[in-house]
Amino acid sequence: MDATFASAKKGGFFVGPAKPGKGTEIVAITAGNSLPLGVSFESASPAECRLVVAVLAGCFPNHLPERLIGDKAYDSDALNEQMSEYGVEIISPNWSNCKQKPEGGRPPRRYRRCWKVERLFAWMPNYRRLLTQWEHHIEHFLGFVQLACLMMLLRYF
């Protein structure tokens, strides 16, 4: 899982301020072959670790994955406790102020697979409509994101 930033030049719903400007964050969960399993987005203001539950609820209604691999943005004690209630293990590198350091403080070995979600975000600029959110209504932008994900899936199969 990871998130990327899409700037929103005209503003609109679900648009919030961030360091690069105003825009939305597209959060995606991918399979091992970099194909999207679930996509959600939110304003760019909240932290990425707060958006995980919404993505999981939208893409896995019955069966949750055993583990999720994310970057340092997902290293949160609150998120680890919340996901442990669902039986999901979060694998991410540690911040320096983390209380629970798995594997003796070493970087997790499974984190080497994090490039797979980055490859999905590398494919997204092939669909120019996703780079900048020109739509004022968020439903239209969601449709374009889902259409791009469907085209990626159809291209694979």
N, C-alpha and C. Protein backbone atom coordinates (compact mmCIF):
# COMPACT_ATOMS: atom_id res chain seq x y z
N MET A 1 0.84 -1.17 0.00
CA MET A 1 0.00 0.00 0.00
C MET A 1 0.88 1.23 0.00
N ASP A 2 0.38 2.26 -0.65
CA ASP A 2 1.08 3.52 -0.70
C ASP A 2 0.12 4.57 -1.22
N ALA A 3 0.55 5.81 -1.21
CA ALA A 3 -0.28 6.92 -1.67
C ALA A 3 0.53 7.82 -2.57
N THR A 4 -0.16 8.50 -3.47
CA THR A 4 0.47 9.47 -4.35
C THR A 4 -0.38 10.73 -4.36
N PHE A 5 0.19 11.81 -4.80
CA PHE A 5 -0.46 13.11 -4.78
C PHE A 5 -0.91 13.48 -6.18
N ALA A 6 -2.15 13.93 -6.31
CA ALA A 6 -2.67 14.46 -7.57
C ALA A 6 -3.10 15.89 -7.32
N SER A 7 -2.48 16.82 -8.00
CA SER A 7 -2.81 18.22 -7.76
C SER A 7 -4.18 18.55 -8.33
N ALA A 8 -4.86 19.47 -7.69
CA ALA A 8 -6.20 19.90 -8.11
C ALA A 8 -6.12 21.39 -8.40
N LYS A 9 -6.03 21.74 -9.65
CA LYS A 9 -5.85 23.14 -10.04
C LYS A 9 -7.09 23.98 -9.78
N LYS A 10 -8.27 23.41 -9.99
CA LYS A 10 -9.51 24.18 -9.84
C LYS A 10 -10.14 24.04 -8.47
N GLY A 11 -9.54 23.24 -7.60
CA GLY A 11 -10.15 23.03 -6.29
C GLY A 11 -11.26 22.00 -6.38
N GLY A 12 -12.22 22.08 -5.51
CA GLY A 12 -13.33 21.15 -5.52
C GLY A 12 -13.44 20.42 -4.20
N PHE A 13 -14.25 19.38 -4.20
CA PHE A 13 -14.44 18.58 -3.00
C PHE A 13 -13.25 17.65 -2.79
N PHE A 14 -12.99 17.27 -1.56
CA PHE A 14 -11.88 16.39 -1.19
C PHE A 14 -10.53 16.97 -1.60
N VAL A 15 -10.41 18.26 -1.63
CA VAL A 15 -9.15 18.92 -1.95
C VAL A 15 -8.65 19.61 -0.70
N GLY A 16 -7.40 19.33 -0.35
CA GLY A 16 -6.85 19.93 0.84
C GLY A 16 -5.44 20.44 0.60
N PRO A 17 -4.97 21.28 1.50
CA PRO A 17 -3.62 21.82 1.33
C PRO A 17 -2.55 20.78 1.69
N ALA A 18 -1.47 20.81 0.98
CA ALA A 18 -0.32 19.95 1.25
C ALA A 18 0.94 20.70 0.83
N LYS A 19 2.08 20.10 1.06
CA LYS A 19 3.34 20.76 0.71
C LYS A 19 3.44 21.09 -0.77
N PRO A 20 3.07 20.15 -1.69
CA PRO A 20 3.17 20.49 -3.11
C PRO A 20 2.09 21.45 -3.60
N GLY A 21 1.08 21.73 -2.80
CA GLY A 21 -0.03 22.58 -3.22
C GLY A 21 -1.33 21.93 -2.80
N LYS A 22 -2.42 22.38 -3.38
CA LYS A 22 -3.70 21.77 -3.03
C LYS A 22 -3.96 20.59 -3.96
N GLY A 23 -4.56 19.55 -3.37
CA GLY A 23 -4.81 18.36 -4.16
C GLY A 23 -5.40 17.23 -3.35
N THR A 24 -5.39 16.04 -3.93
CA THR A 24 -5.91 14.84 -3.29
C THR A 24 -4.82 13.78 -3.25
N GLU A 25 -4.97 12.85 -2.32
CA GLU A 25 -4.07 11.71 -2.22
C GLU A 25 -4.79 10.47 -2.72
N ILE A 26 -4.18 9.78 -3.65
CA ILE A 26 -4.71 8.51 -4.14
C ILE A 26 -3.99 7.41 -3.38
N VAL A 27 -4.75 6.61 -2.62
CA VAL A 27 -4.19 5.52 -1.83
C VAL A 27 -4.54 4.21 -2.54
N ALA A 28 -3.54 3.36 -2.74
CA ALA A 28 -3.76 2.11 -3.48
C ALA A 28 -3.15 0.94 -2.73
N ILE A 29 -3.82 -0.19 -2.86
CA ILE A 29 -3.31 -1.48 -2.38
C ILE A 29 -3.15 -2.36 -3.61
N THR A 30 -1.96 -2.94 -3.77
CA THR A 30 -1.69 -3.73 -4.96
C THR A 30 -1.40 -5.17 -4.59
N ALA A 31 -1.49 -6.02 -5.59
CA ALA A 31 -1.12 -7.43 -5.44
C ALA A 31 0.37 -7.56 -5.73
N GLY A 32 0.87 -8.77 -5.69
CA GLY A 32 2.28 -9.01 -5.92
C GLY A 32 2.75 -8.67 -7.32
N ASN A 33 1.83 -8.61 -8.30
CA ASN A 33 2.20 -8.29 -9.67
C ASN A 33 1.92 -6.82 -10.01
N SER A 34 1.79 -5.98 -9.00
CA SER A 34 1.58 -4.53 -9.13
C SER A 34 0.23 -4.15 -9.71
N LEU A 35 -0.71 -5.06 -9.74
CA LEU A 35 -2.05 -4.71 -10.21
C LEU A 35 -2.89 -4.22 -9.04
N PRO A 36 -3.73 -3.23 -9.26
CA PRO A 36 -4.48 -2.64 -8.15
C PRO A 36 -5.57 -3.56 -7.61
N LEU A 37 -5.62 -3.68 -6.29
CA LEU A 37 -6.69 -4.41 -5.63
C LEU A 37 -7.73 -3.46 -5.07
N GLY A 38 -7.30 -2.33 -4.61
CA GLY A 38 -8.20 -1.34 -4.06
C GLY A 38 -7.63 0.05 -4.18
N VAL A 39 -8.49 1.00 -4.51
CA VAL A 39 -8.06 2.38 -4.67
C VAL A 39 -9.06 3.27 -3.95
N SER A 40 -8.54 4.23 -3.23
CA SER A 40 -9.37 5.20 -2.56
C SER A 40 -8.63 6.52 -2.57
N PHE A 41 -9.31 7.60 -2.30
CA PHE A 41 -8.61 8.86 -2.19
C PHE A 41 -9.31 9.76 -1.20
N GLU A 42 -8.55 10.69 -0.74
CA GLU A 42 -8.99 11.61 0.31
C GLU A 42 -8.28 12.93 0.07
N SER A 43 -8.65 13.90 0.83
CA SER A 43 -7.96 15.18 0.79
C SER A 43 -6.48 14.97 1.10
N ALA A 44 -5.63 15.84 0.62
CA ALA A 44 -4.19 15.68 0.83
C ALA A 44 -3.77 16.06 2.24
N SER A 45 -4.68 16.56 3.05
CA SER A 45 -4.33 17.03 4.39
C SER A 45 -4.01 15.92 5.38
N PRO A 46 -4.86 14.87 5.54
CA PRO A 46 -4.57 13.88 6.59
C PRO A 46 -3.37 13.01 6.26
N ALA A 47 -2.81 12.41 7.28
CA ALA A 47 -1.68 11.50 7.11
C ALA A 47 -2.14 10.22 6.41
N GLU A 48 -1.19 9.58 5.73
CA GLU A 48 -1.52 8.37 4.98
C GLU A 48 -1.97 7.23 5.88
N CYS A 49 -1.44 7.17 7.09
CA CYS A 49 -1.79 6.06 7.97
C CYS A 49 -3.25 6.12 8.42
N ARG A 50 -3.89 7.26 8.30
CA ARG A 50 -5.30 7.37 8.67
C ARG A 50 -6.24 6.92 7.56
N LEU A 51 -5.72 6.68 6.37
CA LEU A 51 -6.56 6.32 5.23
C LEU A 51 -6.59 4.82 4.96
N VAL A 52 -5.84 4.04 5.71
CA VAL A 52 -5.71 2.61 5.44
C VAL A 52 -7.03 1.88 5.66
N VAL A 53 -7.74 2.20 6.72
CA VAL A 53 -8.98 1.48 7.05
C VAL A 53 -10.03 1.70 5.96
N ALA A 54 -10.10 2.90 5.40
CA ALA A 54 -11.08 3.17 4.35
C ALA A 54 -10.78 2.36 3.09
N VAL A 55 -9.51 2.22 2.76
CA VAL A 55 -9.14 1.44 1.57
C VAL A 55 -9.43 -0.03 1.79
N LEU A 56 -9.09 -0.55 2.97
CA LEU A 56 -9.35 -1.96 3.26
C LEU A 56 -10.84 -2.27 3.28
N ALA A 57 -11.64 -1.35 3.80
CA ALA A 57 -13.09 -1.58 3.84
C ALA A 57 -13.69 -1.58 2.45
N GLY A 58 -13.11 -0.81 1.54
CA GLY A 58 -13.64 -0.73 0.20
C GLY A 58 -13.23 -1.87 -0.71
N CYS A 59 -12.09 -2.49 -0.46
CA CYS A 59 -11.63 -3.50 -1.41
C CYS A 59 -11.67 -4.92 -0.89
N PHE A 60 -11.71 -5.13 0.41
CA PHE A 60 -11.76 -6.48 0.97
C PHE A 60 -12.94 -6.59 1.93
N PRO A 61 -14.15 -6.78 1.42
CA PRO A 61 -15.29 -6.81 2.34
C PRO A 61 -15.33 -8.05 3.23
N ASN A 62 -14.87 -9.20 2.74
CA ASN A 62 -14.98 -10.44 3.52
C ASN A 62 -13.66 -10.93 4.08
N HIS A 63 -12.61 -10.91 3.27
CA HIS A 63 -11.32 -11.49 3.66
C HIS A 63 -10.25 -10.41 3.61
N LEU A 64 -9.66 -10.13 4.74
CA LEU A 64 -8.57 -9.17 4.81
C LEU A 64 -7.24 -9.87 4.56
N PRO A 65 -6.25 -9.19 4.00
CA PRO A 65 -4.94 -9.82 3.81
C PRO A 65 -4.25 -10.04 5.15
N GLU A 66 -3.31 -10.97 5.17
CA GLU A 66 -2.58 -11.26 6.40
C GLU A 66 -1.59 -10.16 6.74
N ARG A 67 -0.97 -9.57 5.71
CA ARG A 67 0.02 -8.52 5.96
C ARG A 67 -0.04 -7.49 4.85
N LEU A 68 0.31 -6.26 5.21
CA LEU A 68 0.41 -5.15 4.28
C LEU A 68 1.81 -4.55 4.39
N ILE A 69 2.40 -4.24 3.25
CA ILE A 69 3.73 -3.64 3.23
C ILE A 69 3.56 -2.18 2.86
N GLY A 70 4.14 -1.29 3.67
CA GLY A 70 4.05 0.14 3.41
C GLY A 70 5.36 0.83 3.73
N ASP A 71 5.44 2.11 3.40
CA ASP A 71 6.66 2.86 3.69
C ASP A 71 6.59 3.45 5.10
N LYS A 72 7.50 4.36 5.42
CA LYS A 72 7.58 4.89 6.77
C LYS A 72 6.33 5.65 7.19
N ALA A 73 5.55 6.10 6.24
CA ALA A 73 4.32 6.83 6.57
C ALA A 73 3.32 5.94 7.30
N TYR A 74 3.45 4.62 7.17
CA TYR A 74 2.51 3.70 7.81
C TYR A 74 3.06 3.12 9.10
N ASP A 75 4.16 3.63 9.60
CA ASP A 75 4.71 3.17 10.87
C ASP A 75 4.09 4.01 11.98
N SER A 76 2.99 3.52 12.49
CA SER A 76 2.27 4.22 13.55
C SER A 76 1.82 3.18 14.57
N ASP A 77 2.04 3.48 15.83
CA ASP A 77 1.62 2.55 16.87
C ASP A 77 0.11 2.40 16.90
N ALA A 78 -0.61 3.50 16.68
CA ALA A 78 -2.07 3.44 16.67
C ALA A 78 -2.58 2.59 15.51
N LEU A 79 -1.94 2.73 14.35
CA LEU A 79 -2.35 1.91 13.19
C LEU A 79 -2.03 0.45 13.43
N ASN A 80 -0.88 0.14 14.02
CA ASN A 80 -0.54 -1.25 14.32
C ASN A 80 -1.54 -1.88 15.27
N GLU A 81 -1.96 -1.15 16.30
CA GLU A 81 -2.96 -1.67 17.23
C GLU A 81 -4.31 -1.87 16.54
N GLN A 82 -4.69 -0.91 15.70
CA GLN A 82 -5.98 -1.00 15.01
C GLN A 82 -5.99 -2.17 14.03
N MET A 83 -4.89 -2.38 13.31
CA MET A 83 -4.84 -3.46 12.35
C MET A 83 -4.68 -4.82 13.02
N SER A 84 -4.07 -4.86 14.21
CA SER A 84 -3.95 -6.14 14.91
C SER A 84 -5.31 -6.64 15.37
N GLU A 85 -6.26 -5.73 15.61
CA GLU A 85 -7.63 -6.16 15.93
C GLU A 85 -8.27 -6.89 14.77
N TYR A 86 -7.92 -6.49 13.54
CA TYR A 86 -8.44 -7.15 12.35
C TYR A 86 -7.60 -8.34 11.93
N GLY A 87 -6.46 -8.55 12.56
CA GLY A 87 -5.59 -9.67 12.20
C GLY A 87 -4.68 -9.37 11.03
N VAL A 88 -4.38 -8.10 10.79
CA VAL A 88 -3.53 -7.69 9.67
C VAL A 88 -2.22 -7.17 10.24
N GLU A 89 -1.11 -7.66 9.70
CA GLU A 89 0.21 -7.21 10.14
C GLU A 89 0.71 -6.12 9.19
N ILE A 90 1.16 -5.00 9.74
CA ILE A 90 1.71 -3.90 8.96
C ILE A 90 3.24 -4.04 8.97
N ILE A 91 3.83 -4.09 7.78
CA ILE A 91 5.28 -4.19 7.65
C ILE A 91 5.77 -2.87 7.07
N SER A 92 6.57 -2.15 7.85
CA SER A 92 7.11 -0.88 7.39
C SER A 92 8.39 -0.57 8.15
N PRO A 93 9.27 0.24 7.56
CA PRO A 93 10.46 0.66 8.29
C PRO A 93 10.05 1.52 9.48
N ASN A 94 10.90 1.60 10.47
CA ASN A 94 10.55 2.27 11.71
C ASN A 94 10.99 3.73 11.72
N TRP A 95 10.16 4.56 12.33
CA TRP A 95 10.57 5.91 12.69
C TRP A 95 11.49 5.78 13.90
N SER A 96 12.22 6.80 14.18
CA SER A 96 13.14 6.73 15.30
C SER A 96 12.41 6.74 16.65
N ASN A 97 11.19 7.29 16.70
CA ASN A 97 10.45 7.36 17.96
C ASN A 97 9.44 6.23 18.13
N CYS A 98 9.54 5.17 17.35
CA CYS A 98 8.61 4.05 17.43
C CYS A 98 8.86 3.25 18.71
N LYS A 99 7.78 2.88 19.40
CA LYS A 99 7.91 2.13 20.64
C LYS A 99 8.19 0.65 20.38
N GLN A 100 7.51 0.08 19.38
CA GLN A 100 7.67 -1.34 19.10
C GLN A 100 8.55 -1.50 17.86
N LYS A 101 9.76 -1.95 18.05
CA LYS A 101 10.67 -2.15 16.92
C LYS A 101 10.76 -3.64 16.62
N PRO A 102 10.12 -4.10 15.53
CA PRO A 102 10.17 -5.51 15.22
C PRO A 102 11.54 -5.94 14.72
N GLU A 103 11.82 -7.22 14.85
CA GLU A 103 13.05 -7.85 14.38
C GLU A 103 14.29 -7.18 14.97
N GLY A 104 14.21 -6.78 16.23
CA GLY A 104 15.37 -6.23 16.91
C GLY A 104 15.83 -4.88 16.39
N GLY A 105 14.94 -4.09 15.80
CA GLY A 105 15.31 -2.78 15.30
C GLY A 105 15.87 -2.79 13.88
N ARG A 106 16.04 -3.98 13.28
CA ARG A 106 16.54 -4.05 11.91
C ARG A 106 15.41 -3.72 10.95
N PRO A 107 15.71 -3.29 9.74
CA PRO A 107 14.65 -3.07 8.76
C PRO A 107 14.01 -4.41 8.37
N PRO A 108 12.71 -4.44 8.22
CA PRO A 108 12.03 -5.71 7.89
C PRO A 108 12.48 -6.27 6.54
N ARG A 109 12.69 -7.57 6.51
CA ARG A 109 13.14 -8.20 5.27
C ARG A 109 12.06 -8.15 4.20
N ARG A 110 10.82 -8.24 4.59
CA ARG A 110 9.75 -8.25 3.60
C ARG A 110 9.55 -6.89 2.95
N TYR A 111 10.12 -5.85 3.53
CA TYR A 111 9.96 -4.52 2.97
C TYR A 111 10.64 -4.39 1.61
N ARG A 112 11.47 -5.34 1.24
CA ARG A 112 12.12 -5.29 -0.06
C ARG A 112 11.11 -5.34 -1.20
N ARG A 113 9.90 -5.78 -0.93
CA ARG A 113 8.87 -5.89 -1.97
C ARG A 113 8.06 -4.61 -2.14
N CYS A 114 8.46 -3.52 -1.52
CA CYS A 114 7.65 -2.30 -1.56
C CYS A 114 7.66 -1.66 -2.95
N TRP A 115 8.57 -2.03 -3.82
CA TRP A 115 8.63 -1.44 -5.14
C TRP A 115 7.42 -1.79 -6.00
N LYS A 116 6.70 -2.83 -5.60
CA LYS A 116 5.58 -3.28 -6.42
C LYS A 116 4.44 -2.27 -6.45
N VAL A 117 4.18 -1.60 -5.35
CA VAL A 117 3.15 -0.57 -5.36
C VAL A 117 3.67 0.69 -6.04
N GLU A 118 4.97 0.94 -5.95
CA GLU A 118 5.54 2.10 -6.64
C GLU A 118 5.44 1.93 -8.15
N ARG A 119 5.49 0.70 -8.61
CA ARG A 119 5.36 0.46 -10.05
C ARG A 119 3.96 0.81 -10.53
N LEU A 120 2.94 0.58 -9.70
CA LEU A 120 1.58 0.98 -10.07
C LEU A 120 1.51 2.49 -10.25
N PHE A 121 2.12 3.24 -9.34
CA PHE A 121 2.10 4.69 -9.46
C PHE A 121 2.97 5.18 -10.61
N ALA A 122 3.92 4.37 -11.05
CA ALA A 122 4.69 4.71 -12.24
C ALA A 122 3.86 4.50 -13.50
N TRP A 123 2.89 3.58 -13.45
CA TRP A 123 2.00 3.36 -14.60
C TRP A 123 0.93 4.43 -14.71
N MET A 124 0.58 5.07 -13.61
CA MET A 124 -0.53 6.03 -13.63
C MET A 124 -0.30 7.24 -14.54
N PRO A 125 0.92 7.77 -14.70
CA PRO A 125 1.07 8.90 -15.63
C PRO A 125 0.78 8.54 -17.09
N ASN A 126 0.66 7.25 -17.41
CA ASN A 126 0.23 6.88 -18.75
C ASN A 126 -1.20 7.35 -19.01
N TYR A 127 -1.94 7.60 -17.97
CA TYR A 127 -3.31 8.09 -18.07
C TYR A 127 -3.28 9.55 -17.60
N ARG A 128 -3.17 10.47 -18.55
CA ARG A 128 -2.93 11.87 -18.24
C ARG A 128 -4.00 12.48 -17.35
N ARG A 129 -5.17 11.94 -17.40
CA ARG A 129 -6.27 12.51 -16.62
C ARG A 129 -6.06 12.35 -15.12
N LEU A 130 -5.17 11.46 -14.71
CA LEU A 130 -4.93 11.22 -13.29
C LEU A 130 -3.84 12.11 -12.71
N LEU A 131 -3.04 12.74 -13.56
CA LEU A 131 -1.96 13.57 -13.05
C LEU A 131 -2.49 14.81 -12.33
N THR A 132 -3.49 15.43 -12.91
CA THR A 132 -4.08 16.64 -12.35
C THR A 132 -5.58 16.44 -12.27
N GLN A 133 -6.16 16.76 -11.15
CA GLN A 133 -7.61 16.63 -10.99
C GLN A 133 -8.26 17.91 -11.50
N TRP A 134 -8.80 17.83 -12.71
CA TRP A 134 -9.48 18.98 -13.30
C TRP A 134 -10.96 18.99 -12.97
N GLU A 135 -11.49 17.90 -12.45
CA GLU A 135 -12.90 17.79 -12.16
C GLU A 135 -13.21 18.45 -10.82
N HIS A 136 -14.32 19.16 -10.78
CA HIS A 136 -14.74 19.78 -9.52
C HIS A 136 -15.42 18.76 -8.62
N HIS A 137 -16.16 17.84 -9.21
CA HIS A 137 -16.85 16.80 -8.44
C HIS A 137 -15.95 15.57 -8.32
N ILE A 138 -15.85 15.07 -7.12
CA ILE A 138 -14.93 13.98 -6.83
C ILE A 138 -15.39 12.66 -7.46
N GLU A 139 -16.68 12.51 -7.71
CA GLU A 139 -17.17 11.28 -8.33
C GLU A 139 -16.61 11.11 -9.73
N HIS A 140 -16.43 12.21 -10.45
CA HIS A 140 -15.89 12.11 -11.80
C HIS A 140 -14.42 11.68 -11.76
N PHE A 141 -13.66 12.24 -10.84
CA PHE A 141 -12.26 11.85 -10.71
C PHE A 141 -12.15 10.39 -10.26
N LEU A 142 -13.01 9.96 -9.36
CA LEU A 142 -13.02 8.56 -8.94
C LEU A 142 -13.29 7.64 -10.12
N GLY A 143 -14.19 8.03 -11.00
CA GLY A 143 -14.47 7.23 -12.20
C GLY A 143 -13.25 7.09 -13.09
N PHE A 144 -12.49 8.17 -13.25
CA PHE A 144 -11.28 8.09 -14.08
C PHE A 144 -10.21 7.23 -13.43
N VAL A 145 -10.08 7.30 -12.12
CA VAL A 145 -9.11 6.46 -11.42
C VAL A 145 -9.49 4.99 -11.56
N GLN A 146 -10.77 4.67 -11.36
CA GLN A 146 -11.22 3.29 -11.48
C GLN A 146 -11.11 2.79 -12.92
N LEU A 147 -11.37 3.66 -13.89
CA LEU A 147 -11.22 3.27 -15.29
C LEU A 147 -9.76 2.95 -15.62
N ALA A 148 -8.84 3.75 -15.11
CA ALA A 148 -7.42 3.48 -15.34
C ALA A 148 -7.01 2.15 -14.70
N CYS A 149 -7.52 1.87 -13.50
CA CYS A 149 -7.20 0.60 -12.85
C CYS A 149 -7.78 -0.58 -13.63
N LEU A 150 -8.98 -0.43 -14.16
CA LEU A 150 -9.56 -1.49 -14.98
C LEU A 150 -8.76 -1.72 -16.25
N MET A 151 -8.28 -0.64 -16.85
CA MET A 151 -7.48 -0.80 -18.06
C MET A 151 -6.16 -1.50 -17.75
N MET A 152 -5.58 -1.23 -16.59
CA MET A 152 -4.36 -1.94 -16.19
C MET A 152 -4.64 -3.43 -16.00
N LEU A 153 -5.76 -3.74 -15.37
CA LEU A 153 -6.12 -5.14 -15.16
C LEU A 153 -6.39 -5.86 -16.48
N LEU A 154 -7.11 -5.20 -17.38
CA LEU A 154 -7.42 -5.83 -18.68
C LEU A 154 -6.17 -6.02 -19.53
N ARG A 155 -5.23 -5.10 -19.42
CA ARG A 155 -3.99 -5.24 -20.16
C ARG A 155 -3.17 -6.43 -19.68
N TYR A 156 -3.28 -6.73 -18.38
CA TYR A 156 -2.53 -7.85 -17.83
C TYR A 156 -3.13 -9.20 -18.24
N PHE A 157 -4.46 -9.26 -18.25
CA PHE A 157 -5.11 -10.54 -18.55
C PHE A 157 -5.39 -10.64 -19.99
